[in-house]
Amino acid sequence: MSSISSTEGLYFPTKIPSLKRALGASLCAAMLMGLASCASTPQTTTPPPPPTQPVVQEPVNPYLIKATNKLTPPHMAGRKLVRVALLAPFSSDNPAIRNEAQTLQSAAELALFEHGDASMLLIPKDSGDTPESAREAAVDALRSGADFILGPLFASGVTAIAPYARANDVPMFSFSTDTSEAGRDIYVLTFLPEDEARQIVRYAAEQGVK
């Protein structure tokens, strides 16, 4: 046992280390009890944010062309124009086809002069001899603000351009005799071989030819 000494009526333990050990043990016990109580107490957490809705992107139509460079001649500024694109093979390697293209342009200019008004604008575009060149001419015409398309001359060009005309709601009047793309804003401005053959056979039958 530890001895107790007294001074002027006050008593205190004489073995201080034993007292320190007792106090340390008490503090450790209190800390362990506190940790145990903290571990048993449920922790409050912030709820996770609601899941974000995925952004649904509309499919892009590759045939849709914006009229980013509407053609307006200076003398026609301020008017509400009707732009008519003429797609013809002006640069064809075949002289006869180049001549046909010039004839088509002359006929279109004459028609606009006689029946058009001050709001109509003819935009000639070289469609070349290939579907690729015809497609480039059509895209250029649509960017120039074409409201109608006259041409092209070849069936392969009509097939290449038809999706662009339909996607942009631009009526197209082709000069080809191929009717496979006819319908849904695609028209054929020519004499069809089957109609010519039918007329010839009918006339021959009326004349008694067998």
Protein backbone atom coordinates (compact mmCIF):
# COMPACT_ATOMS: atom_id res chain seq x y z
CA MET A 1 0.00 0.00 0.00
CA SER A 2 1.12 3.55 -0.61
CA SER A 3 1.89 5.68 2.35
CA ILE A 4 -0.08 8.82 3.04
CA SER A 5 1.70 11.86 4.36
CA SER A 6 0.10 14.88 5.94
CA THR A 7 1.03 18.51 6.18
CA GLU A 8 -1.04 20.91 8.17
CA GLY A 9 -4.04 18.59 8.08
CA LEU A 10 -3.85 17.85 4.29
CA TYR A 11 -3.41 14.28 3.12
CA PHE A 12 -2.14 13.22 -0.32
CA PRO A 13 -0.60 10.07 -1.86
CA THR A 14 3.13 9.80 -1.79
CA LYS A 15 3.44 7.51 -4.91
CA ILE A 16 2.64 9.90 -7.79
CA PRO A 17 3.50 7.41 -10.66
CA SER A 18 0.82 5.03 -9.45
CA LEU A 19 -1.69 7.86 -9.57
CA LYS A 20 -0.67 8.77 -13.12
CA ARG A 21 -1.11 5.19 -14.26
CA ALA A 22 -4.55 5.06 -12.73
CA LEU A 23 -5.59 8.30 -14.39
CA GLY A 24 -4.18 7.13 -17.78
CA ALA A 25 -6.11 3.88 -17.56
CA SER A 26 -9.30 5.77 -16.79
CA LEU A 27 -8.78 8.12 -19.76
CA CYS A 28 -8.11 5.20 -22.13
CA ALA A 29 -11.26 3.46 -20.97
CA ALA A 30 -13.29 6.61 -21.49
CA MET A 31 -11.88 7.06 -25.02
CA LEU A 32 -12.64 3.43 -25.94
CA MET A 33 -16.20 3.79 -24.73
CA GLY A 34 -16.58 6.98 -26.77
CA LEU A 35 -15.23 5.32 -29.91
CA ALA A 36 -17.53 2.37 -29.40
CA SER A 37 -20.54 4.66 -29.08
CA CYS A 38 -19.49 6.54 -32.23
CA ALA A 39 -19.14 3.29 -34.15
CA SER A 40 -22.62 2.18 -33.14
CA THR A 41 -24.21 5.50 -34.11
CA PRO A 42 -25.34 5.52 -37.79
CA GLN A 43 -23.63 8.13 -39.91
CA THR A 44 -25.80 10.51 -41.93
CA THR A 45 -24.66 10.80 -45.57
CA THR A 46 -25.70 13.13 -48.37
CA PRO A 47 -27.93 11.27 -50.90
CA PRO A 48 -26.39 10.91 -54.37
CA PRO A 49 -27.65 13.27 -57.06
CA PRO A 50 -30.36 11.93 -59.35
CA PRO A 51 -29.09 10.35 -62.57
CA THR A 52 -28.91 12.71 -65.48
CA GLN A 53 -31.07 11.98 -68.48
CA PRO A 54 -29.06 11.07 -71.59
CA VAL A 55 -29.18 13.68 -74.33
CA VAL A 56 -30.91 12.22 -77.37
CA GLN A 57 -29.52 13.71 -80.56
CA GLU A 58 -31.65 13.88 -83.65
CA PRO A 59 -30.17 11.99 -86.59
CA VAL A 60 -28.46 14.29 -89.05
CA ASN A 61 -29.78 14.12 -92.61
CA PRO A 62 -26.69 14.09 -94.86
CA TYR A 63 -28.75 15.42 -97.78
CA LEU A 64 -29.99 18.52 -95.97
CA ILE A 65 -28.11 21.61 -97.23
CA LYS A 66 -28.40 25.06 -95.66
CA ALA A 67 -28.68 28.06 -97.96
CA THR A 68 -25.62 29.78 -96.50
CA ASN A 69 -24.80 31.89 -99.56
CA LYS A 70 -28.03 33.02 -101.20
CA LEU A 71 -27.23 34.59 -104.54
CA THR A 72 -28.63 38.12 -104.94
CA PRO A 73 -27.37 40.32 -107.77
CA PRO A 74 -26.90 43.97 -106.80
CA HIS A 75 -29.63 45.16 -109.15
CA MET A 76 -32.10 42.72 -107.53
CA ALA A 77 -31.34 43.61 -103.92
CA GLY A 78 -34.40 44.11 -101.74
CA ARG A 79 -36.63 41.84 -103.81
CA LYS A 80 -38.12 38.54 -102.70
CA LEU A 81 -36.42 36.36 -105.30
CA VAL A 82 -37.37 33.02 -106.77
CA ARG A 83 -34.05 31.34 -107.61
CA VAL A 84 -34.09 28.74 -110.40
CA ALA A 85 -30.91 26.67 -110.77
CA LEU A 86 -30.13 25.27 -114.22
CA LEU A 87 -27.90 22.19 -114.02
CA ALA A 88 -26.42 21.36 -117.42
CA PRO A 89 -23.14 19.81 -118.67
CA PHE A 90 -21.51 23.03 -119.87
CA SER A 91 -18.00 21.54 -119.55
CA SER A 92 -18.71 18.18 -121.21
CA ASP A 93 -15.97 16.65 -123.36
CA ASN A 94 -18.57 15.98 -126.02
CA PRO A 95 -19.16 19.06 -128.23
CA ALA A 96 -22.71 17.96 -129.02
CA ILE A 97 -23.53 17.74 -125.32
CA ARG A 98 -21.97 21.14 -124.65
CA ASN A 99 -24.11 22.54 -127.44
CA GLU A 100 -27.17 20.90 -125.88
CA ALA A 101 -26.34 22.55 -122.56
CA GLN A 102 -26.10 25.97 -124.19
CA THR A 103 -29.42 25.35 -125.95
CA LEU A 104 -31.05 24.52 -122.62
CA GLN A 105 -29.71 27.72 -121.08
CA SER A 106 -30.94 29.81 -124.01
CA ALA A 107 -34.39 28.22 -123.78
CA ALA A 108 -34.54 28.84 -120.01
CA GLU A 109 -33.50 32.48 -120.44
CA LEU A 110 -36.11 32.97 -123.18
CA ALA A 111 -38.82 31.40 -121.01
CA LEU A 112 -37.95 33.68 -118.08
CA PHE A 113 -37.83 36.71 -120.35
CA GLU A 114 -41.25 36.00 -121.88
CA HIS A 115 -43.12 34.52 -118.91
CA GLY A 116 -41.12 35.39 -115.81
CA ASP A 117 -41.15 38.54 -113.73
CA ALA A 118 -38.64 40.77 -111.97
CA SER A 119 -38.40 38.38 -109.01
CA MET A 120 -37.07 35.33 -110.93
CA LEU A 121 -33.35 34.65 -111.07
CA LEU A 122 -31.72 31.98 -113.26
CA ILE A 123 -28.59 30.38 -111.76
CA PRO A 124 -26.66 28.21 -114.29
CA LYS A 125 -24.50 25.48 -112.74
CA ASP A 126 -22.14 23.13 -114.56
CA SER A 127 -23.23 19.55 -113.81
CA GLY A 128 -20.46 17.96 -115.88
CA ASP A 129 -20.56 14.43 -117.23
CA THR A 130 -20.48 12.42 -113.97
CA PRO A 131 -22.83 11.84 -111.03
CA GLU A 132 -20.20 13.34 -108.71
CA SER A 133 -20.00 16.59 -110.65
CA ALA A 134 -23.80 16.74 -110.83
CA ARG A 135 -23.99 16.26 -107.05
CA GLU A 136 -21.48 19.07 -106.47
CA ALA A 137 -23.47 21.37 -108.75
CA ALA A 138 -26.70 20.57 -106.89
CA VAL A 139 -25.14 21.21 -103.45
CA ASP A 140 -23.70 24.50 -104.72
CA ALA A 141 -27.11 25.49 -106.10
CA LEU A 142 -28.86 24.70 -102.81
CA ARG A 143 -26.32 26.75 -100.89
CA SER A 144 -27.04 29.58 -103.32
CA GLY A 145 -30.69 29.41 -102.26
CA ALA A 146 -32.21 27.55 -105.21
CA ASP A 147 -36.00 27.22 -104.96
CA PHE A 148 -36.26 25.04 -108.10
CA ILE A 149 -33.82 22.89 -110.06
CA LEU A 150 -33.91 22.46 -113.84
CA GLY A 151 -31.88 19.46 -114.95
CA PRO A 152 -29.65 17.59 -115.00
CA LEU A 153 -29.45 16.05 -118.43
CA PHE A 154 -28.24 12.52 -117.61
CA ALA A 155 -30.11 9.81 -115.70
CA SER A 156 -27.11 9.10 -113.43
CA GLY A 157 -27.09 12.74 -112.40
CA VAL A 158 -30.81 12.65 -111.61
CA THR A 159 -30.29 9.64 -109.33
CA ALA A 160 -27.42 11.40 -107.54
CA ILE A 161 -29.31 14.67 -107.03
CA ALA A 162 -32.83 13.41 -106.23
CA PRO A 163 -32.17 12.77 -102.48
CA TYR A 164 -30.90 16.35 -102.07
CA ALA A 165 -33.90 17.83 -103.84
CA ARG A 166 -36.35 15.85 -101.72
CA ALA A 167 -34.57 16.48 -98.42
CA ASN A 168 -34.63 20.24 -99.03
CA ASP A 169 -38.17 20.36 -100.49
CA VAL A 170 -36.85 21.76 -103.77
CA PRO A 171 -38.80 20.56 -106.84
CA MET A 172 -36.57 19.25 -109.61
CA PHE A 173 -37.47 19.13 -113.32
CA SER A 174 -35.01 16.84 -115.09
CA PHE A 175 -34.29 16.59 -118.80
CA SER A 176 -33.54 12.86 -118.61
CA THR A 177 -35.77 10.21 -120.17
CA ASP A 178 -35.30 7.99 -117.10
CA THR A 179 -38.48 7.91 -115.01
CA SER A 180 -37.14 5.72 -112.17
CA GLU A 181 -36.81 8.73 -109.86
CA ALA A 182 -40.02 10.45 -110.98
CA GLY A 183 -42.46 11.37 -108.24
CA ARG A 184 -42.18 13.11 -104.87
CA ASP A 185 -41.06 16.49 -106.24
CA ILE A 186 -39.05 14.97 -109.11
CA TYR A 187 -40.51 15.67 -112.56
CA VAL A 188 -39.46 14.72 -116.09
CA LEU A 189 -39.46 17.49 -118.72
CA THR A 190 -38.88 15.51 -121.88
CA PHE A 191 -40.52 13.23 -124.42
CA LEU A 192 -40.36 9.71 -123.04
CA PRO A 193 -39.34 6.92 -125.46
CA GLU A 194 -42.31 4.75 -124.47
CA ASP A 195 -44.71 7.58 -125.25
CA GLU A 196 -43.09 8.21 -128.64
CA ALA A 197 -43.19 4.49 -129.50
CA ARG A 198 -46.85 4.31 -128.47
CA GLN A 199 -47.74 7.29 -130.66
CA ILE A 200 -45.84 5.87 -133.66
CA VAL A 201 -47.51 2.46 -133.37
CA ARG A 202 -50.95 4.04 -132.99
CA TYR A 203 -50.43 6.24 -136.05
CA ALA A 204 -49.15 3.29 -138.08
CA ALA A 205 -52.19 1.23 -137.12
CA GLU A 206 -54.52 4.06 -138.11
CA GLN A 207 -52.83 4.14 -141.54
CA GLY A 208 -53.35 0.41 -141.97
CA VAL A 209 -49.70 -0.51 -141.52
CA LYS A 210 -49.13 -3.89 -139.89
